[in-house]
Each structure stands twice: as C-alpha cells, then as structure tokens.
PDB file of N, CA and C in Angstrom:
ATOM      1  N   MET A   1       1.803 -16.645-232.689  1.00  0.00           N
ATOM      2  CA  MET A   1       0.979 -16.808-233.868  1.00  0.00           C
ATOM      3  C   MET A   1      -0.416 -16.200-233.660  1.00  0.00           C
ATOM      4  N   THR A   2      -0.947 -16.348-232.471  1.00  0.00           N
ATOM      5  CA  THR A   2      -2.277 -15.777-232.221  1.00  0.00           C
ATOM      6  C   THR A   2      -2.239 -14.241-232.242  1.00  0.00           C
ATOM      7  N   THR A   3      -1.134 -13.671-231.789  1.00  0.00           N
ATOM      8  CA  THR A   3      -0.994 -12.216-231.834  1.00  0.00           C
ATOM      9  C   THR A   3      -1.004 -11.725-233.278  1.00  0.00           C
ATOM     10  N   TYR A   4      -0.339 -12.451-234.139  1.00  0.00           N
ATOM     11  CA  TYR A   4      -0.293 -12.125-235.566  1.00  0.00           C
ATOM     12  C   TYR A   4      -1.697 -12.171-236.162  1.00  0.00           C
ATOM     13  N   LEU A   5      -2.475 -13.185-235.871  1.00  0.00           N
ATOM     14  CA  LEU A   5      -3.828 -13.320-236.404  1.00  0.00           C
ATOM     15  C   LEU A   5      -4.763 -12.250-235.829  1.00  0.00           C
ATOM     16  N   ILE A   6      -4.581 -11.928-234.568  1.00  0.00           N
ATOM     17  CA  ILE A   6      -5.378 -10.857-233.957  1.00  0.00           C
ATOM     18  C   ILE A   6      -5.070  -9.520-234.619  1.00  0.00           C
ATOM     19  N   ALA A   7      -3.801  -9.267-234.883  1.00  0.00           N
ATOM     20  CA  ALA A   7      -3.406  -8.013-235.528  1.00  0.00           C
ATOM     21  C   ALA A   7      -4.009  -7.918-236.931  1.00  0.00           C
ATOM     22  N   ILE A   8      -3.959  -8.998-237.688  1.00  0.00           N
ATOM     23  CA  ILE A   8      -4.538  -8.996-239.036  1.00  0.00           C
ATOM     24  C   ILE A   8      -6.046  -8.767-238.949  1.00  0.00           C
ATOM     25  N   GLY A   9      -6.717  -9.450-238.033  1.00  0.00           N
ATOM     26  CA  GLY A   9      -8.155  -9.275-237.866  1.00  0.00           C
ATOM     27  C   GLY A   9      -8.526  -7.868-237.447  1.00  0.00           C
ATOM     28  N   LEU A  10      -7.729  -7.279-236.572  1.00  0.00           N
ATOM     29  CA  LEU A  10      -7.986  -5.926-236.107  1.00  0.00           C
ATOM     30  C   LEU A  10      -7.812  -4.909-237.241  1.00  0.00           C
ATOM     31  N   ILE A  11      -6.778  -5.068-238.038  1.00  0.00           N
ATOM     32  CA  ILE A  11      -6.554  -4.168-239.176  1.00  0.00           C
ATOM     33  C   ILE A  11      -7.715  -4.283-240.160  1.00  0.00           C
ATOM     34  N   PHE A  12      -8.137  -5.498-240.452  1.00  0.00           N
ATOM     35  CA  PHE A  12      -9.266  -5.710-241.353  1.00  0.00           C
ATOM     36  C   PHE A  12     -10.535  -5.074-240.788  1.00  0.00           C
ATOM     37  N   ALA A  13     -10.788  -5.233-239.510  1.00  0.00           N
ATOM     38  CA  ALA A  13     -11.985  -4.678-238.884  1.00  0.00           C
ATOM     39  C   ALA A  13     -11.976  -3.144-238.934  1.00  0.00           C
ATOM     40  N   ILE A  14     -10.832  -2.533-238.721  1.00  0.00           N
ATOM     41  CA  ILE A  14     -10.729  -1.074-238.778  1.00  0.00           C
ATOM     42  C   ILE A  14     -10.979  -0.574-240.194  1.00  0.00           C
ATOM     43  N   MET A  15     -10.406  -1.259-241.183  1.00  0.00           N
ATOM     44  CA  MET A  15     -10.622  -0.867-242.579  1.00  0.00           C
ATOM     45  C   MET A  15     -12.089  -1.039-242.973  1.00  0.00           C
ATOM     46  N   ALA A  16     -12.694  -2.153-242.600  1.00  0.00           N
ATOM     47  CA  ALA A  16     -14.105  -2.388-242.916  1.00  0.00           C
ATOM     48  C   ALA A  16     -14.991  -1.368-242.211  1.00  0.00           C
ATOM     49  N   GLY A  17     -14.657  -1.005-240.983  1.00  0.00           N
ATOM     50  CA  GLY A  17     -15.406   0.012-240.261  1.00  0.00           C
ATOM     51  C   GLY A  17     -15.333   1.368-240.935  1.00  0.00           C
ATOM     52  N   GLY A  18     -14.162   1.715-241.450  1.00  0.00           N
ATOM     53  CA  GLY A  18     -14.004   2.988-242.166  1.00  0.00           C
ATOM     54  C   GLY A  18     -14.845   3.035-243.433  1.00  0.00           C
ATOM     55  N   ILE A  19     -14.878   1.926-244.160  1.00  0.00           N
ATOM     56  CA  ILE A  19     -15.704   1.859-245.368  1.00  0.00           C
ATOM     57  C   ILE A  19     -17.179   1.956-245.000  1.00  0.00           C
ATOM     58  N   PHE A  20     -17.581   1.283-243.938  1.00  0.00           N
ATOM     59  CA  PHE A  20     -18.967   1.332-243.481  1.00  0.00           C
ATOM     60  C   PHE A  20     -19.378   2.757-243.111  1.00  0.00           C
ATOM     61  N   VAL A  21     -18.532   3.464-242.395  1.00  0.00           N
ATOM     62  CA  VAL A  21     -18.845   4.838-241.983  1.00  0.00           C
ATOM     63  C   VAL A  21     -18.937   5.749-243.205  1.00  0.00           C
ATOM     64  N   GLN A  22     -18.050   5.564-244.176  1.00  0.00           N
ATOM     65  CA  GLN A  22     -18.082   6.391-245.378  1.00  0.00           C
ATOM     66  C   GLN A  22     -19.373   6.150-246.166  1.00  0.00           C
ATOM     67  N   ARG A  23     -19.807   4.907-246.291  1.00  0.00           N
ATOM     68  CA  ARG A  23     -21.063   4.600-246.983  1.00  0.00           C
ATOM     69  C   ARG A  23     -22.260   5.145-246.208  1.00  0.00           C
ATOM     70  N   LEU A  24     -22.205   5.050-244.904  1.00  0.00           N
ATOM     71  CA  LEU A  24     -23.280   5.585-244.072  1.00  0.00           C
ATOM     72  C   LEU A  24     -23.389   7.099-244.243  1.00  0.00           C
ATOM     73  N   TYR A  25     -22.255   7.786-244.294  1.00  0.00           N
ATOM     74  CA  TYR A  25     -22.229   9.236-244.492  1.00  0.00           C
ATOM     75  C   TYR A  25     -22.780   9.596-245.871  1.00  0.00           C
ATOM     76  N   ARG A  26     -22.390   8.839-246.891  1.00  0.00           N
ATOM     77  CA  ARG A  26     -22.871   9.103-248.241  1.00  0.00           C
ATOM     78  C   ARG A  26     -24.394   8.925-248.316  1.00  0.00           C
ATOM     79  N   ARG A  27     -24.917   7.877-247.698  1.00  0.00           N
ATOM     80  CA  ARG A  27     -26.364   7.640-247.689  1.00  0.00           C
ATOM     81  C   ARG A  27     -27.081   8.751-246.913  1.00  0.00           C
ATOM     82  N   TYR A  28     -26.510   9.171-245.803  1.00  0.00           N
ATOM     83  CA  TYR A  28     -27.109  10.253-245.021  1.00  0.00           C
ATOM     84  C   TYR A  28     -27.158  11.543-245.839  1.00  0.00           C
ATOM     85  N   ALA A  29     -26.094  11.846-246.579  1.00  0.00           N
ATOM     86  CA  ALA A  29     -26.050  13.052-247.394  1.00  0.00           C
ATOM     87  C   ALA A  29     -27.079  12.986-248.521  1.00  0.00           C
ATOM     88  N   GLN A  30     -27.327  11.796-249.079  1.00  0.00           N
ATOM     89  CA  GLN A  30     -28.335  11.666-250.126  1.00  0.00           C
ATOM     90  C   GLN A  30     -29.742  11.861-249.565  1.00  0.00           C
ATOM     91  N   ASN A  31     -29.978  11.410-248.355  1.00  0.00           N
ATOM     92  CA  ASN A  31     -31.298  11.524-247.753  1.00  0.00           C
ATOM     93  C   ASN A  31     -31.580  12.906-247.172  1.00  0.00           C
ATOM     94  N   ASN A  32     -30.552  13.727-247.024  1.00  0.00           N
ATOM     95  CA  ASN A  32     -30.695  15.067-246.457  1.00  0.00           C
ATOM     96  C   ASN A  32     -30.038  16.107-247.362  1.00  0.00           C
ATOM     97  N   PRO A  33     -30.609  16.352-248.552  1.00  0.00           N
ATOM     98  CA  PRO A  33     -29.970  17.282-249.493  1.00  0.00           C
ATOM     99  C   PRO A  33     -29.939  18.727-248.993  1.00  0.00           C
ATOM    100  N   GLU A  34     -30.795  19.066-248.039  1.00  0.00           N
ATOM    101  CA  GLU A  34     -30.809  20.442-247.531  1.00  0.00           C
ATOM    102  C   GLU A  34     -29.546  20.787-246.753  1.00  0.00           C
ATOM    103  N   LEU A  35     -28.768  19.784-246.378  1.00  0.00           N
ATOM    104  CA  LEU A  35     -27.528  20.020-245.635  1.00  0.00           C
ATOM    105  C   LEU A  35     -26.330  20.255-246.543  1.00  0.00           C
ATOM    106  N   GLY A  36     -26.539  20.185-247.851  1.00  0.00           N
ATOM    107  CA  GLY A  36     -25.468  20.425-248.804  1.00  0.00           C
ATOM    108  C   GLY A  36     -25.014  19.138-249.460  1.00  0.00           C
ATOM    109  N   PRO A  37     -24.125  19.254-250.446  1.00  0.00           N
ATOM    110  CA  PRO A  37     -23.694  18.086-251.200  1.00  0.00           C
ATOM    111  C   PRO A  37     -22.738  17.192-250.406  1.00  0.00           C
ATOM    112  N   PHE A  38     -22.657  15.943-250.832  1.00  0.00           N
ATOM    113  CA  PHE A  38     -21.690  15.010-250.251  1.00  0.00           C
ATOM    114  C   PHE A  38     -20.299  15.516-250.585  1.00  0.00           C
ATOM    115  N   ARG A  39     -19.443  15.591-249.596  1.00  0.00           N
ATOM    116  CA  ARG A  39     -18.079  16.067-249.825  1.00  0.00           C
ATOM    117  C   ARG A  39     -17.120  14.909-249.655  1.00  0.00           C
ATOM    118  N   ASP A  40     -16.512  14.517-250.756  1.00  0.00           N
ATOM    119  CA  ASP A  40     -15.535  13.440-250.719  1.00  0.00           C
ATOM    120  C   ASP A  40     -14.316  13.923-249.960  1.00  0.00           C
ATOM    121  N   GLU A  41     -13.658  13.038-249.254  1.00  0.00           N
ATOM    122  CA  GLU A  41     -12.576  13.443-248.361  1.00  0.00           C
ATOM    123  C   GLU A  41     -11.319  13.950-249.083  1.00  0.00           C
ATOM    124  N   ASN A  42     -11.149  13.657-250.364  1.00  0.00           N
ATOM    125  CA  ASN A  42      -9.932  14.060-251.073  1.00  0.00           C
ATOM    126  C   ASN A  42     -10.187  15.058-252.186  1.00  0.00           C
ATOM    127  N   SER A  43     -11.321  15.716-252.185  1.00  0.00           N
ATOM    128  CA  SER A  43     -11.584  16.672-253.244  1.00  0.00           C
ATOM    129  C   SER A  43     -12.448  17.809-252.726  1.00  0.00           C
ATOM    130  N   GLY A  44     -12.320  18.937-253.380  1.00  0.00           N
ATOM    131  CA  GLY A  44     -13.208  20.053-253.123  1.00  0.00           C
ATOM    132  C   GLY A  44     -13.060  20.698-251.769  1.00  0.00           C
ATOM    133  N   CYS A  45     -14.186  20.996-251.176  1.00  0.00           N
ATOM    134  CA  CYS A  45     -14.258  21.835-249.985  1.00  0.00           C
ATOM    135  C   CYS A  45     -13.592  21.241-248.749  1.00  0.00           C
ATOM    136  N   GLY A  46     -13.753  19.967-248.531  1.00  0.00           N
ATOM    137  CA  GLY A  46     -13.295  19.378-247.288  1.00  0.00           C
ATOM    138  C   GLY A  46     -11.806  19.133-247.198  1.00  0.00           C
ATOM    139  N   SER A  47     -11.075  19.265-248.322  1.00  0.00           N
ATOM    140  CA  SER A  47      -9.667  18.885-248.293  1.00  0.00           C
ATOM    141  C   SER A  47      -8.739  19.996-247.821  1.00  0.00           C
ATOM    142  N   CYS A  48      -9.197  21.233-247.776  1.00  0.00           N
ATOM    143  CA  CYS A  48      -8.327  22.345-247.387  1.00  0.00           C
ATOM    144  C   CYS A  48      -8.972  23.149-246.258  1.00  0.00           C
ATOM    145  N   THR A  49      -8.130  23.661-245.409  1.00  0.00           N
ATOM    146  CA  THR A  49      -8.616  24.557-244.369  1.00  0.00           C
ATOM    147  C   THR A  49      -7.946  25.903-244.544  1.00  0.00           C
ATOM    148  N   ALA A  50      -8.469  26.898-243.921  1.00  0.00           N
ATOM    149  CA  ALA A  50      -7.920  28.243-244.039  1.00  0.00           C
ATOM    150  C   ALA A  50      -6.479  28.268-243.546  1.00  0.00           C
ATOM    151  N   GLY A  51      -5.614  28.847-244.357  1.00  0.00           N
ATOM    152  CA  GLY A  51      -4.216  28.978-243.976  1.00  0.00           C
ATOM    153  C   GLY A  51      -3.376  27.738-244.213  1.00  0.00           C
ATOM    154  N   SER A  52      -3.929  26.716-244.871  1.00  0.00           N
ATOM    155  CA  SER A  52      -3.149  25.498-245.081  1.00  0.00           C
ATOM    156  C   SER A  52      -2.283  25.564-246.326  1.00  0.00           C
ATOM    157  N   GLY A  53      -2.455  26.605-247.136  1.00  0.00           N
ATOM    158  CA  GLY A  53      -1.653  26.725-248.347  1.00  0.00           C
ATOM    159  C   GLY A  53      -2.212  25.938-249.507  1.00  0.00           C
ATOM    160  N   CYS A  54      -3.444  25.540-249.441  1.00  0.00           N
ATOM    161  CA  CYS A  54      -4.070  24.774-250.509  1.00  0.00           C
ATOM    162  C   CYS A  54      -4.293  25.688-251.705  1.00  0.00           C
ATOM    163  N   SER A  55      -3.927  25.221-252.889  1.00  0.00           N
ATOM    164  CA  SER A  55      -4.048  26.067-254.064  1.00  0.00           C
ATOM    165  C   SER A  55      -5.145  25.603-255.005  1.00  0.00           C
ATOM    166  N   SER A  56      -5.997  24.680-254.593  1.00  0.00           N
ATOM    167  CA  SER A  56      -7.061  24.224-255.477  1.00  0.00           C
ATOM    168  C   SER A  56      -8.120  25.304-255.612  1.00  0.00           C
ATOM    169  N   SER A  57      -8.801  25.295-256.762  1.00  0.00           N
ATOM    170  CA  SER A  57      -9.832  26.299-256.967  1.00  0.00           C
ATOM    171  C   SER A  57     -11.060  25.976-256.133  1.00  0.00           C
ATOM    172  N   ARG A  58     -11.796  26.992-255.780  1.00  0.00           N
ATOM    173  CA  ARG A  58     -12.967  26.796-254.937  1.00  0.00           C
ATOM    174  C   ARG A  58     -14.254  26.776-255.771  1.00  0.00           C
ATOM    175  N   SER A  59     -14.132  26.634-257.092  1.00  0.00           N
ATOM    176  CA  SER A  59     -15.330  26.664-257.935  1.00  0.00           C
ATOM    177  C   SER A  59     -16.272  25.516-257.619  1.00  0.00           C
ATOM    178  N   SER A  60     -15.742  24.355-257.230  1.00  0.00           N
ATOM    179  CA  SER A  60     -16.600  23.222-256.908  1.00  0.00           C
ATOM    180  C   SER A  60     -17.252  23.373-255.543  1.00  0.00           C
ATOM    181  N   CYS A  61     -16.772  24.337-254.738  1.00  0.00           N
ATOM    182  CA  CYS A  61     -17.304  24.504-253.386  1.00  0.00           C
ATOM    183  C   CYS A  61     -18.359  25.595-253.316  1.00  0.00           C
ATOM    184  N   SER A  62     -18.547  26.332-254.382  1.00  0.00           N
ATOM    185  CA  SER A  62     -19.448  27.470-254.297  1.00  0.00           C
ATOM    186  C   SER A  62     -20.886  27.007-254.126  1.00  0.00           C
ATOM    187  N   ILE A  63     -21.622  27.766-253.365  1.00  0.00           N
ATOM    188  CA  ILE A  63     -23.034  27.483-253.108  1.00  0.00           C
ATOM    189  C   ILE A  63     -23.846  28.325-254.087  1.00  0.00           C
ATOM    190  N   PRO A  64     -24.753  27.694-254.830  1.00  0.00           N
ATOM    191  CA  PRO A  64     -25.555  28.492-255.785  1.00  0.00           C
ATOM    192  C   PRO A  64     -26.443  29.491-255.067  1.00  0.00           C
ATOM    193  N   ASP A  65     -26.734  30.606-255.764  1.00  0.00           N
ATOM    194  CA  ASP A  65     -27.600  31.642-255.198  1.00  0.00           C
ATOM    195  C   ASP A  65     -28.995  31.091-255.009  1.00  0.00           C
ATOM    196  N   GLN A  66     -29.602  31.453-253.905  1.00  0.00           N
ATOM    197  CA  GLN A  66     -30.959  30.963-253.622  1.00  0.00           C
ATOM    198  C   GLN A  66     -31.977  32.030-253.812  1.00  0.00           C
TER     199      GLN A  66
END
C-alpha cells in the first residue's frame, strides 16, 4: 500500500514540476522579449525540426524585418 501511495505522490510531483517549469519559462520569455517570442510546445516553430516531415506553415515562425 505504501508503494502505491509513493507512486501516486511521485506522479503528482512530476506533473506539478512540469507545470512549474512551463510557467517559469513563460515568465522568463515575457521578461526578456529580446530573445524572441514564447514558443508553446505544441505549435509553431518549436514543434518541428528539419527533416521531420512537418507540413505546418512557417508563417507564425517568421521574424519581422528589423
């Protein structure tokens, strides 16, 4: 029974840690706009890599002319 409770607690802690890191990253991106926009993990630039066969448009990833 204690193993079961430890497993549940560990899963909860990992999920809460992931949410904490994502919020920390979002706050860091807001405080440092010179590094570029916040990139959500399931959209736009960060979701595809070269050669992965991703067919999404790159219009949201374009950097405006300076």
